[in-house]
Amino acid sequence: MTSVFIDAASVMGDQNFQPPTARTSGAGTQGLAELTDIERHERLTRMREGTLGSIHSWELVTAVDGPGTRLTIFLSGCPLQCLYCHNPDTMQMRDGKPVELDEIIAKIRRYRRIFRASGGGITLSGGEVLMQPAFAARILRAAKEMGVHTAIDTSGFLGAAASDEMLADVDLVLLDVKSGIPQTYRKVTGRELAPTIEFGDRLSALGKEIWARFVLVPGLTDDPENLEAVADIMERWSSISRVEVLPFHQMGTDKWDALGLEYTLRDVRPPSAERTDQVRKVFKKRGFTVY
């Protein structure tokens, strides 16, 4: 099975902005099976230490993934198997490109002026950023030393992998609450809901700002009981500053097909604007600022 990564980086007029090049599946670790035992051990050791990471892509964008203009870095690897994932090509860590920590730090330094002017910063996304906690922690520490605003975009399922020291370098957490009912969460992701709740509780206790996100999928996550359960969970977290209700879309279908994966939501239509507004009102009634 072969997949090709197509990066959507915005260069913002910078001719030196180069995202990771398109790679075939398995090339991310440059074929660990083809390396000698010593080379393989060295590479895995560096990834555990956080001086080398597996990156899918990055892009420079405005008005998404946090305030201002963001350098969003998509790390490879995710423990969830979300039915509606629009980036299924980030699921396997082995499919990413090996990228040196120094390269990421240099890129952050290059865009400091843009971050300052726009009130932006960096966002570590994925995949799941907490699949590579040592690498993420080193990036976040370097960014904070440069005075750059930091955010992570996570499901929270691997929240236990985030140390207190790492979270101290995070200004904002984009936390995905994919369902409020455990059975529905398991159907959507293949995993358990409890770790996300525990991570959100921890973030709230630390006073860490949260933008809570919920994807509205007709026939899957839009049941009124589930909506209220999601709102109940979010009400636990006093540090939420906004809730984003994201309507389901079909923009990832071609990626599922290219990867040869079964996409079970092919016939699901995106929710109407009216339905999306109705769901937003569920959260507004709880006193949240909703987008």
C-alpha atoms as a PDB file:
ATOM      1  CA  MET A   1       0.000   0.000   0.000  1.00  0.00           C
ATOM      2  CA  THR A   2       1.426   3.364  -1.014  1.00  0.00           C
ATOM      3  CA  SER A   3       0.309   6.776   0.142  1.00  0.00           C
ATOM      4  CA  VAL A   4       1.509  10.230  -0.796  1.00  0.00           C
ATOM      5  CA  PHE A   5       1.504  13.203   1.543  1.00  0.00           C
ATOM      6  CA  ILE A   6       0.361  16.441  -0.075  1.00  0.00           C
ATOM      7  CA  ASP A   7       1.330  19.409   2.075  1.00  0.00           C
ATOM      8  CA  ALA A   8      -0.774  22.575   2.138  1.00  0.00           C
ATOM      9  CA  ALA A   9       1.791  25.023   3.475  1.00  0.00           C
ATOM     10  CA  SER A  10       1.155  28.710   2.990  1.00  0.00           C
ATOM     11  CA  VAL A  11       4.433  30.491   2.278  1.00  0.00           C
ATOM     12  CA  MET A  12       3.260  33.984   3.239  1.00  0.00           C
ATOM     13  CA  GLY A  13       5.638  35.363   0.652  1.00  0.00           C
ATOM     14  CA  ASP A  14       8.664  33.620   2.175  1.00  0.00           C
ATOM     15  CA  GLN A  15      10.452  31.754  -0.592  1.00  0.00           C
ATOM     16  CA  ASN A  16      12.495  29.842   1.998  1.00  0.00           C
ATOM     17  CA  PHE A  17       9.428  28.204   3.557  1.00  0.00           C
ATOM     18  CA  GLN A  18       9.714  24.544   2.561  1.00  0.00           C
ATOM     19  CA  PRO A  19       7.367  21.921   4.052  1.00  0.00           C
ATOM     20  CA  PRO A  20       8.417  18.289   4.232  1.00  0.00           C
ATOM     21  CA  THR A  21       8.408  16.892   0.722  1.00  0.00           C
ATOM     22  CA  ALA A  22       5.875  14.301  -0.431  1.00  0.00           C
ATOM     23  CA  ARG A  23       6.913  10.848   0.712  1.00  0.00           C
ATOM     24  CA  THR A  24       5.614   7.345   0.150  1.00  0.00           C
ATOM     25  CA  SER A  25       4.247   5.300   3.021  1.00  0.00           C
ATOM     26  CA  GLY A  26       7.004   3.948   5.225  1.00  0.00           C
ATOM     27  CA  ALA A  27       9.558   6.503   4.075  1.00  0.00           C
ATOM     28  CA  GLY A  28       9.131   8.537   7.225  1.00  0.00           C
ATOM     29  CA  THR A  29      11.572   6.436   9.152  1.00  0.00           C
ATOM     30  CA  GLN A  30      13.504   5.991   5.900  1.00  0.00           C
ATOM     31  CA  GLY A  31      12.821   2.286   6.090  1.00  0.00           C
ATOM     32  CA  LEU A  32      13.842   1.253   9.601  1.00  0.00           C
ATOM     33  CA  ALA A  33      13.882  -2.337   8.379  1.00  0.00           C
ATOM     34  CA  GLU A  34      16.621  -1.385   5.915  1.00  0.00           C
ATOM     35  CA  LEU A  35      18.863   0.144   8.600  1.00  0.00           C
ATOM     36  CA  THR A  36      21.487  -1.729  10.539  1.00  0.00           C
ATOM     37  CA  ASP A  37      20.684  -2.589  14.145  1.00  0.00           C
ATOM     38  CA  ILE A  38      23.004   0.192  15.313  1.00  0.00           C
ATOM     39  CA  GLU A  39      21.402   2.778  13.005  1.00  0.00           C
ATOM     40  CA  ARG A  40      17.918   1.710  14.017  1.00  0.00           C
ATOM     41  CA  HIS A  41      18.798   1.877  17.716  1.00  0.00           C
ATOM     42  CA  GLU A  42      20.342   5.332  17.298  1.00  0.00           C
ATOM     43  CA  ARG A  43      17.307   6.696  15.488  1.00  0.00           C
ATOM     44  CA  LEU A  44      14.828   5.339  18.009  1.00  0.00           C
ATOM     45  CA  THR A  45      16.971   6.596  20.873  1.00  0.00           C
ATOM     46  CA  ARG A  46      17.004  10.100  19.410  1.00  0.00           C
ATOM     47  CA  MET A  47      13.235  10.041  18.999  1.00  0.00           C
ATOM     48  CA  ARG A  48      12.813   8.993  22.641  1.00  0.00           C
ATOM     49  CA  GLU A  49      15.177  11.797  23.669  1.00  0.00           C
ATOM     50  CA  GLY A  50      13.248  14.294  21.562  1.00  0.00           C
ATOM     51  CA  THR A  51      16.035  15.490  19.270  1.00  0.00           C
ATOM     52  CA  LEU A  52      14.412  13.828  16.258  1.00  0.00           C
ATOM     53  CA  GLY A  53      10.732  13.688  15.389  1.00  0.00           C
ATOM     54  CA  SER A  54       8.373  12.213  12.819  1.00  0.00           C
ATOM     55  CA  ILE A  55       6.610  15.060  10.995  1.00  0.00           C
ATOM     56  CA  HIS A  56       3.789  14.846   8.482  1.00  0.00           C
ATOM     57  CA  SER A  57       3.761  18.502   7.385  1.00  0.00           C
ATOM     58  CA  TRP A  58       3.539  22.086   8.555  1.00  0.00           C
ATOM     59  CA  GLU A  59       1.711  25.183   7.416  1.00  0.00           C
ATOM     60  CA  LEU A  60       1.513  28.881   8.179  1.00  0.00           C
ATOM     61  CA  VAL A  61      -2.133  29.862   8.636  1.00  0.00           C
ATOM     62  CA  THR A  62      -4.299  32.581  10.149  1.00  0.00           C
ATOM     63  CA  ALA A  63      -7.504  32.324  12.190  1.00  0.00           C
ATOM     64  CA  VAL A  64      -7.280  28.572  12.885  1.00  0.00           C
ATOM     65  CA  ASP A  65      -5.438  26.422  15.441  1.00  0.00           C
ATOM     66  CA  GLY A  66      -5.181  29.298  17.901  1.00  0.00           C
ATOM     67  CA  PRO A  67      -4.969  33.106  17.882  1.00  0.00           C
ATOM     68  CA  GLY A  68      -3.144  35.095  15.211  1.00  0.00           C
ATOM     69  CA  THR A  69      -0.944  33.633  12.526  1.00  0.00           C
ATOM     70  CA  ARG A  70       0.165  30.133  13.508  1.00  0.00           C
ATOM     71  CA  LEU A  71       2.952  27.867  12.413  1.00  0.00           C
ATOM     72  CA  THR A  72       1.070  24.596  12.788  1.00  0.00           C
ATOM     73  CA  ILE A  73       3.279  21.510  12.875  1.00  0.00           C
ATOM     74  CA  PHE A  74       1.543  18.201  12.200  1.00  0.00           C
ATOM     75  CA  LEU A  75       3.267  15.332  13.995  1.00  0.00           C
ATOM     76  CA  SER A  76       2.759  11.792  12.745  1.00  0.00           C
ATOM     77  CA  GLY A  77       1.158   9.045  14.786  1.00  0.00           C
ATOM     78  CA  CYS A  78      -2.202   8.777  16.552  1.00  0.00           C
ATOM     79  CA  PRO A  79      -3.634   6.162  18.942  1.00  0.00           C
ATOM     80  CA  LEU A  80      -7.215   6.886  17.824  1.00  0.00           C
ATOM     81  CA  GLN A  81      -8.942   5.660  14.692  1.00  0.00           C
ATOM     82  CA  CYS A  82     -11.624   8.331  14.303  1.00  0.00           C
ATOM     83  CA  LEU A  83     -14.233   7.419  11.718  1.00  0.00           C
ATOM     84  CA  TYR A  84     -14.353  11.009  10.438  1.00  0.00           C
ATOM     85  CA  CYS A  85     -10.600  11.735  10.505  1.00  0.00           C
ATOM     86  CA  HIS A  86      -9.756  14.138   7.674  1.00  0.00           C
ATOM     87  CA  ASN A  87      -6.018  13.437   7.979  1.00  0.00           C
ATOM     88  CA  PRO A  88      -5.809   9.615   8.013  1.00  0.00           C
ATOM     89  CA  ASP A  89      -2.335   9.954   6.484  1.00  0.00           C
ATOM     90  CA  THR A  90      -1.105  11.128   9.906  1.00  0.00           C
ATOM     91  CA  MET A  91      -2.218   8.015  11.778  1.00  0.00           C
ATOM     92  CA  GLN A  92       1.024   6.029  11.435  1.00  0.00           C
ATOM     93  CA  MET A  93       4.188   7.511  12.938  1.00  0.00           C
ATOM     94  CA  ARG A  94       6.337   5.460  10.574  1.00  0.00           C
ATOM     95  CA  ASP A  95       4.829   7.333   7.623  1.00  0.00           C
ATOM     96  CA  GLY A  96       6.147  10.738   8.684  1.00  0.00           C
ATOM     97  CA  LYS A  97       9.404  12.389   7.708  1.00  0.00           C
ATOM     98  CA  PRO A  98      12.311  12.393  10.201  1.00  0.00           C
ATOM     99  CA  VAL A  99      12.938  16.042  11.095  1.00  0.00           C
ATOM    100  CA  GLU A 100      15.681  17.383  13.342  1.00  0.00           C
ATOM    101  CA  LEU A 101      14.688  19.445  16.376  1.00  0.00           C
ATOM    102  CA  ASP A 102      17.095  22.174  15.249  1.00  0.00           C
ATOM    103  CA  GLU A 103      15.228  22.512  11.949  1.00  0.00           C
ATOM    104  CA  ILE A 104      11.939  23.141  13.746  1.00  0.00           C
ATOM    105  CA  ILE A 105      13.545  25.651  16.112  1.00  0.00           C
ATOM    106  CA  ALA A 106      15.096  27.529  13.186  1.00  0.00           C
ATOM    107  CA  LYS A 107      11.710  27.733  11.497  1.00  0.00           C
ATOM    108  CA  ILE A 108      10.062  29.135  14.630  1.00  0.00           C
ATOM    109  CA  ARG A 109      12.818  31.719  14.940  1.00  0.00           C
ATOM    110  CA  ARG A 110      12.306  32.761  11.305  1.00  0.00           C
ATOM    111  CA  TYR A 111       8.665  33.651  11.928  1.00  0.00           C
ATOM    112  CA  ARG A 112       8.943  35.438  15.251  1.00  0.00           C
ATOM    113  CA  ARG A 113       8.237  38.823  13.636  1.00  0.00           C
ATOM    114  CA  ILE A 114       5.017  37.514  12.087  1.00  0.00           C
ATOM    115  CA  PHE A 115       3.965  36.000  15.409  1.00  0.00           C
ATOM    116  CA  ARG A 116       4.559  39.256  17.261  1.00  0.00           C
ATOM    117  CA  ALA A 117       2.708  41.339  14.676  1.00  0.00           C
ATOM    118  CA  SER A 118      -0.346  39.053  14.559  1.00  0.00           C
ATOM    119  CA  GLY A 119      -0.481  37.849  18.145  1.00  0.00           C
ATOM    120  CA  GLY A 120       0.163  34.342  16.847  1.00  0.00           C
ATOM    121  CA  GLY A 121       2.597  31.553  17.592  1.00  0.00           C
ATOM    122  CA  ILE A 122       3.064  27.827  17.098  1.00  0.00           C
ATOM    123  CA  THR A 123       0.591  24.974  17.387  1.00  0.00           C
ATOM    124  CA  LEU A 124       1.669  21.342  17.641  1.00  0.00           C
ATOM    125  CA  SER A 125      -0.989  19.164  16.053  1.00  0.00           C
ATOM    126  CA  GLY A 126      -1.206  15.815  14.320  1.00  0.00           C
ATOM    127  CA  GLY A 127      -1.947  13.030  14.291  1.00  0.00           C
ATOM    128  CA  GLU A 128      -1.581  13.248  18.034  1.00  0.00           C
ATOM    129  CA  VAL A 129       1.125  15.500  19.438  1.00  0.00           C
ATOM    130  CA  LEU A 130       1.397  13.481  22.661  1.00  0.00           C
ATOM    131  CA  MET A 131       2.560  10.415  20.709  1.00  0.00           C
ATOM    132  CA  GLN A 132       5.934  12.219  20.664  1.00  0.00           C
ATOM    133  CA  PRO A 133       6.027  13.950  24.058  1.00  0.00           C
ATOM    134  CA  ALA A 134       9.812  14.379  24.348  1.00  0.00           C
ATOM    135  CA  PHE A 135      10.075  15.981  20.906  1.00  0.00           C
ATOM    136  CA  ALA A 136       7.035  18.174  21.575  1.00  0.00           C
ATOM    137  CA  ALA A 137       8.391  19.260  24.966  1.00  0.00           C
ATOM    138  CA  ARG A 138      11.691  20.375  23.451  1.00  0.00           C
ATOM    139  CA  ILE A 139       9.918  22.388  20.746  1.00  0.00           C
ATOM    140  CA  LEU A 140       7.651  24.061  23.290  1.00  0.00           C
ATOM    141  CA  ARG A 141      10.565  24.930  25.591  1.00  0.00           C
ATOM    142  CA  ALA A 142      12.512  26.485  22.710  1.00  0.00           C
ATOM    143  CA  ALA A 143       9.467  28.479  21.614  1.00  0.00           C
ATOM    144  CA  LYS A 144       8.855  29.854  25.098  1.00  0.00           C
ATOM    145  CA  GLU A 145      12.508  30.853  25.380  1.00  0.00           C
ATOM    146  CA  MET A 146      11.922  32.947  22.244  1.00  0.00           C
ATOM    147  CA  GLY A 147       8.780  34.496  23.744  1.00  0.00           C
ATOM    148  CA  VAL A 148       6.490  32.713  21.254  1.00  0.00           C
ATOM    149  CA  HIS A 149       2.889  31.787  22.138  1.00  0.00           C
ATOM    150  CA  THR A 150       2.393  28.004  22.189  1.00  0.00           C
ATOM    151  CA  ALA A 151      -0.560  25.697  21.708  1.00  0.00           C
ATOM    152  CA  ILE A 152      -1.130  21.972  21.408  1.00  0.00           C
ATOM    153  CA  ASP A 153      -4.053  20.340  19.590  1.00  0.00           C
ATOM    154  CA  THR A 154      -4.876  17.016  21.225  1.00  0.00           C
ATOM    155  CA  SER A 155      -7.576  14.454  21.887  1.00  0.00           C
ATOM    156  CA  GLY A 156      -6.338  14.214  25.466  1.00  0.00           C
ATOM    157  CA  PHE A 157      -6.284  10.422  25.270  1.00  0.00           C
ATOM    158  CA  LEU A 158      -2.534  10.418  25.957  1.00  0.00           C
ATOM    159  CA  GLY A 159      -2.708  13.267  28.455  1.00  0.00           C
ATOM    160  CA  ALA A 160      -0.765  11.231  31.016  1.00  0.00           C
ATOM    161  CA  ALA A 161       2.258  11.507  28.697  1.00  0.00           C
ATOM    162  CA  ALA A 162       2.344  15.295  29.159  1.00  0.00           C
ATOM    163  CA  SER A 163       4.536  16.161  32.133  1.00  0.00           C
ATOM    164  CA  ASP A 164       3.848  19.187  34.314  1.00  0.00           C
ATOM    165  CA  GLU A 165       7.077  20.682  32.971  1.00  0.00           C
ATOM    166  CA  MET A 166       5.832  20.316  29.421  1.00  0.00           C
ATOM    167  CA  LEU A 167       2.443  21.839  30.230  1.00  0.00           C
ATOM    168  CA  ALA A 168       4.170  24.784  31.878  1.00  0.00           C
ATOM    169  CA  ASP A 169       5.390  25.707  28.388  1.00  0.00           C
ATOM    170  CA  VAL A 170       1.905  25.471  26.855  1.00  0.00           C
ATOM    171  CA  ASP A 171      -0.230  28.622  26.701  1.00  0.00           C
ATOM    172  CA  LEU A 172      -3.316  27.081  25.099  1.00  0.00           C
ATOM    173  CA  VAL A 173      -4.755  23.588  24.670  1.00  0.00           C
ATOM    174  CA  LEU A 174      -7.133  22.817  21.811  1.00  0.00           C
ATOM    175  CA  LEU A 175      -8.910  19.847  23.377  1.00  0.00           C
ATOM    176  CA  ASP A 176     -11.128  17.625  21.243  1.00  0.00           C
ATOM    177  CA  VAL A 177     -14.127  16.173  23.049  1.00  0.00           C
ATOM    178  CA  LYS A 178     -15.324  13.719  20.440  1.00  0.00           C
ATOM    179  CA  SER A 179     -18.300  12.391  22.378  1.00  0.00           C
ATOM    180  CA  GLY A 180     -19.859  12.638  25.815  1.00  0.00           C
ATOM    181  CA  ILE A 181     -21.204   9.094  25.982  1.00  0.00           C
ATOM    182  CA  PRO A 182     -18.489   6.446  26.445  1.00  0.00           C
ATOM    183  CA  GLN A 183     -20.084   3.974  24.037  1.00  0.00           C
ATOM    184  CA  THR A 184     -20.335   6.622  21.321  1.00  0.00           C
ATOM    185  CA  TYR A 185     -16.763   7.725  21.975  1.00  0.00           C
ATOM    186  CA  ARG A 186     -15.605   4.134  21.545  1.00  0.00           C
ATOM    187  CA  LYS A 187     -17.568   3.832  18.302  1.00  0.00           C
ATOM    188  CA  VAL A 188     -16.094   7.074  16.954  1.00  0.00           C
ATOM    189  CA  THR A 189     -12.476   6.527  18.008  1.00  0.00           C
ATOM    190  CA  GLY A 190     -11.967   2.892  18.983  1.00  0.00           C
ATOM    191  CA  ARG A 191     -10.760   4.107  22.394  1.00  0.00           C
ATOM    192  CA  GLU A 192     -12.058   5.089  25.836  1.00  0.00           C
ATOM    193  CA  LEU A 193     -13.393   8.505  26.866  1.00  0.00           C
ATOM    194  CA  ALA A 194     -12.094   8.581  30.456  1.00  0.00           C
ATOM    195  CA  PRO A 195      -8.493   9.695  29.674  1.00  0.00           C
ATOM    196  CA  THR A 196      -9.771  12.806  27.878  1.00  0.00           C
ATOM    197  CA  ILE A 197     -11.904  13.765  30.866  1.00  0.00           C
ATOM    198  CA  GLU A 198      -8.992  13.176  33.242  1.00  0.00           C
ATOM    199  CA  PHE A 199      -6.690  15.328  31.106  1.00  0.00           C
ATOM    200  CA  GLY A 200      -9.252  18.125  30.920  1.00  0.00           C
ATOM    201  CA  ASP A 201      -9.648  17.991  34.713  1.00  0.00           C
ATOM    202  CA  ARG A 202      -5.903  18.297  35.081  1.00  0.00           C
ATOM    203  CA  LEU A 203      -5.671  21.235  32.682  1.00  0.00           C
ATOM    204  CA  SER A 204      -8.486  23.020  34.487  1.00  0.00           C
ATOM    205  CA  ALA A 205      -6.816  22.471  37.864  1.00  0.00           C
ATOM    206  CA  LEU A 206      -3.652  24.028  36.422  1.00  0.00           C
ATOM    207  CA  GLY A 207      -5.632  26.982  35.089  1.00  0.00           C
ATOM    208  CA  LYS A 208      -4.499  26.160  31.561  1.00  0.00           C
ATOM    209  CA  GLU A 209      -6.579  27.884  28.892  1.00  0.00           C
ATOM    210  CA  ILE A 210      -8.687  25.448  26.849  1.00  0.00           C
ATOM    211  CA  TRP A 211     -10.452  25.827  23.544  1.00  0.00           C
ATOM    212  CA  ALA A 212     -12.801  22.837  23.579  1.00  0.00           C
ATOM    213  CA  ARG A 213     -13.710  21.352  20.206  1.00  0.00           C
ATOM    214  CA  PHE A 214     -16.571  19.087  19.175  1.00  0.00           C
ATOM    215  CA  VAL A 215     -17.176  17.654  15.702  1.00  0.00           C
ATOM    216  CA  LEU A 216     -20.862  17.446  14.786  1.00  0.00           C
ATOM    217  CA  VAL A 217     -21.477  14.307  12.710  1.00  0.00           C
ATOM    218  CA  PRO A 218     -25.080  13.586  11.710  1.00  0.00           C
ATOM    219  CA  GLY A 219     -26.165  10.154  12.859  1.00  0.00           C
ATOM    220  CA  LEU A 220     -23.025   9.660  14.925  1.00  0.00           C
ATOM    221  CA  THR A 221     -22.388  12.443  17.464  1.00  0.00           C
ATOM    222  CA  ASP A 222     -25.509  14.609  17.080  1.00  0.00           C
ATOM    223  CA  ASP A 223     -27.856  12.690  19.362  1.00  0.00           C
ATOM    224  CA  PRO A 224     -29.356  15.153  21.912  1.00  0.00           C
ATOM    225  CA  GLU A 225     -28.293  12.953  24.832  1.00  0.00           C
ATOM    226  CA  ASN A 226     -24.715  12.921  23.550  1.00  0.00           C
ATOM    227  CA  LEU A 227     -24.714  16.692  23.057  1.00  0.00           C
ATOM    228  CA  GLU A 228     -25.793  17.259  26.645  1.00  0.00           C
ATOM    229  CA  ALA A 229     -23.191  14.775  27.863  1.00  0.00           C
ATOM    230  CA  VAL A 230     -20.461  16.654  25.974  1.00  0.00           C
ATOM    231  CA  ALA A 231     -21.655  19.919  27.528  1.00  0.00           C
ATOM    232  CA  ASP A 232     -21.661  18.265  30.983  1.00  0.00           C
ATOM    233  CA  ILE A 233     -18.011  17.289  30.527  1.00  0.00           C
ATOM    234  CA  MET A 234     -17.019  20.745  29.359  1.00  0.00           C
ATOM    235  CA  GLU A 235     -18.765  22.334  32.335  1.00  0.00           C
ATOM    236  CA  ARG A 236     -16.236  20.558  34.576  1.00  0.00           C
ATOM    237  CA  TRP A 237     -13.446  22.734  33.160  1.00  0.00           C
ATOM    238  CA  SER A 238     -13.452  26.319  34.391  1.00  0.00           C
ATOM    239  CA  SER A 239     -10.493  27.254  32.182  1.00  0.00           C
ATOM    240  CA  ILE A 240     -12.427  26.870  28.899  1.00  0.00           C
ATOM    241  CA  SER A 241     -12.458  30.223  27.112  1.00  0.00           C
ATOM    242  CA  ARG A 242     -14.333  29.059  24.009  1.00  0.00           C
ATOM    243  CA  VAL A 243     -16.157  26.094  22.521  1.00  0.00           C
ATOM    244  CA  GLU A 244     -15.898  25.329  18.819  1.00  0.00           C
ATOM    245  CA  VAL A 245     -18.633  23.255  17.157  1.00  0.00           C
ATOM    246  CA  LEU A 246     -17.092  21.971  13.945  1.00  0.00           C
ATOM    247  CA  PRO A 247     -19.491  20.641  11.302  1.00  0.00           C
ATOM    248  CA  PHE A 248     -18.515  17.331   9.732  1.00  0.00           C
ATOM    249  CA  HIS A 249     -17.235  17.488   6.149  1.00  0.00           C
ATOM    250  CA  GLN A 250     -16.151  15.044   3.462  1.00  0.00           C
ATOM    251  CA  MET A 251     -12.828  16.679   2.538  1.00  0.00           C
ATOM    252  CA  GLY A 252     -10.775  13.722   3.756  1.00  0.00           C
ATOM    253  CA  THR A 253     -12.525  11.078   1.652  1.00  0.00           C
ATOM    254  CA  ASP A 254      -9.885  11.035  -1.086  1.00  0.00           C
ATOM    255  CA  LYS A 255      -7.150  10.413   1.489  1.00  0.00           C
ATOM    256  CA  TRP A 256      -8.969   7.378   2.859  1.00  0.00           C
ATOM    257  CA  ASP A 257      -9.322   6.061  -0.680  1.00  0.00           C
ATOM    258  CA  ALA A 258      -5.653   6.724  -1.503  1.00  0.00           C
ATOM    259  CA  LEU A 259      -4.609   4.796   1.600  1.00  0.00           C
ATOM    260  CA  GLY A 260      -6.868   1.882   0.729  1.00  0.00           C
ATOM    261  CA  LEU A 261      -8.796   2.302   4.001  1.00  0.00           C
ATOM    262  CA  GLU A 262     -12.503   1.642   4.452  1.00  0.00           C
ATOM    263  CA  TYR A 263     -14.352   4.925   4.929  1.00  0.00           C
ATOM    264  CA  THR A 264     -17.696   4.196   6.561  1.00  0.00           C
ATOM    265  CA  LEU A 265     -19.064   7.766   6.532  1.00  0.00           C
ATOM    266  CA  ARG A 266     -19.032   8.181   2.760  1.00  0.00           C
ATOM    267  CA  ASP A 267     -22.808   8.659   2.574  1.00  0.00           C
ATOM    268  CA  VAL A 268     -23.103  11.018   5.548  1.00  0.00           C
ATOM    269  CA  ARG A 269     -24.059  14.547   4.562  1.00  0.00           C
ATOM    270  CA  PRO A 270     -22.579  17.538   6.421  1.00  0.00           C
ATOM    271  CA  PRO A 271     -24.981  19.094   8.928  1.00  0.00           C
ATOM    272  CA  SER A 272     -26.970  22.066   7.714  1.00  0.00           C
ATOM    273  CA  ALA A 273     -26.136  25.562   8.921  1.00  0.00           C
ATOM    274  CA  GLU A 274     -29.416  25.566  10.793  1.00  0.00           C
ATOM    275  CA  ARG A 275     -28.616  22.304  12.607  1.00  0.00           C
ATOM    276  CA  THR A 276     -25.122  23.511  13.455  1.00  0.00           C
ATOM    277  CA  ASP A 277     -26.567  26.699  14.945  1.00  0.00           C
ATOM    278  CA  GLN A 278     -29.026  24.632  16.999  1.00  0.00           C
ATOM    279  CA  VAL A 279     -26.161  22.599  18.443  1.00  0.00           C
ATOM    280  CA  ARG A 280     -24.148  25.729  19.212  1.00  0.00           C
ATOM    281  CA  LYS A 281     -27.105  26.965  21.238  1.00  0.00           C
ATOM    282  CA  VAL A 282     -26.833  23.845  23.441  1.00  0.00           C
ATOM    283  CA  PHE A 283     -23.415  25.070  24.571  1.00  0.00           C
ATOM    284  CA  LYS A 284     -24.379  28.740  24.681  1.00  0.00           C
ATOM    285  CA  LYS A 285     -27.137  27.866  27.159  1.00  0.00           C
ATOM    286  CA  ARG A 286     -24.393  26.537  29.441  1.00  0.00           C
ATOM    287  CA  GLY A 287     -22.716  29.955  29.384  1.00  0.00           C
ATOM    288  CA  PHE A 288     -19.901  29.146  26.939  1.00  0.00           C
ATOM    289  CA  THR A 289     -18.569  31.458  24.272  1.00  0.00           C
ATOM    290  CA  VAL A 290     -19.278  29.409  21.162  1.00  0.00           C
ATOM    291  CA  TYR A 291     -17.966  29.477  17.609  1.00  0.00           C
END
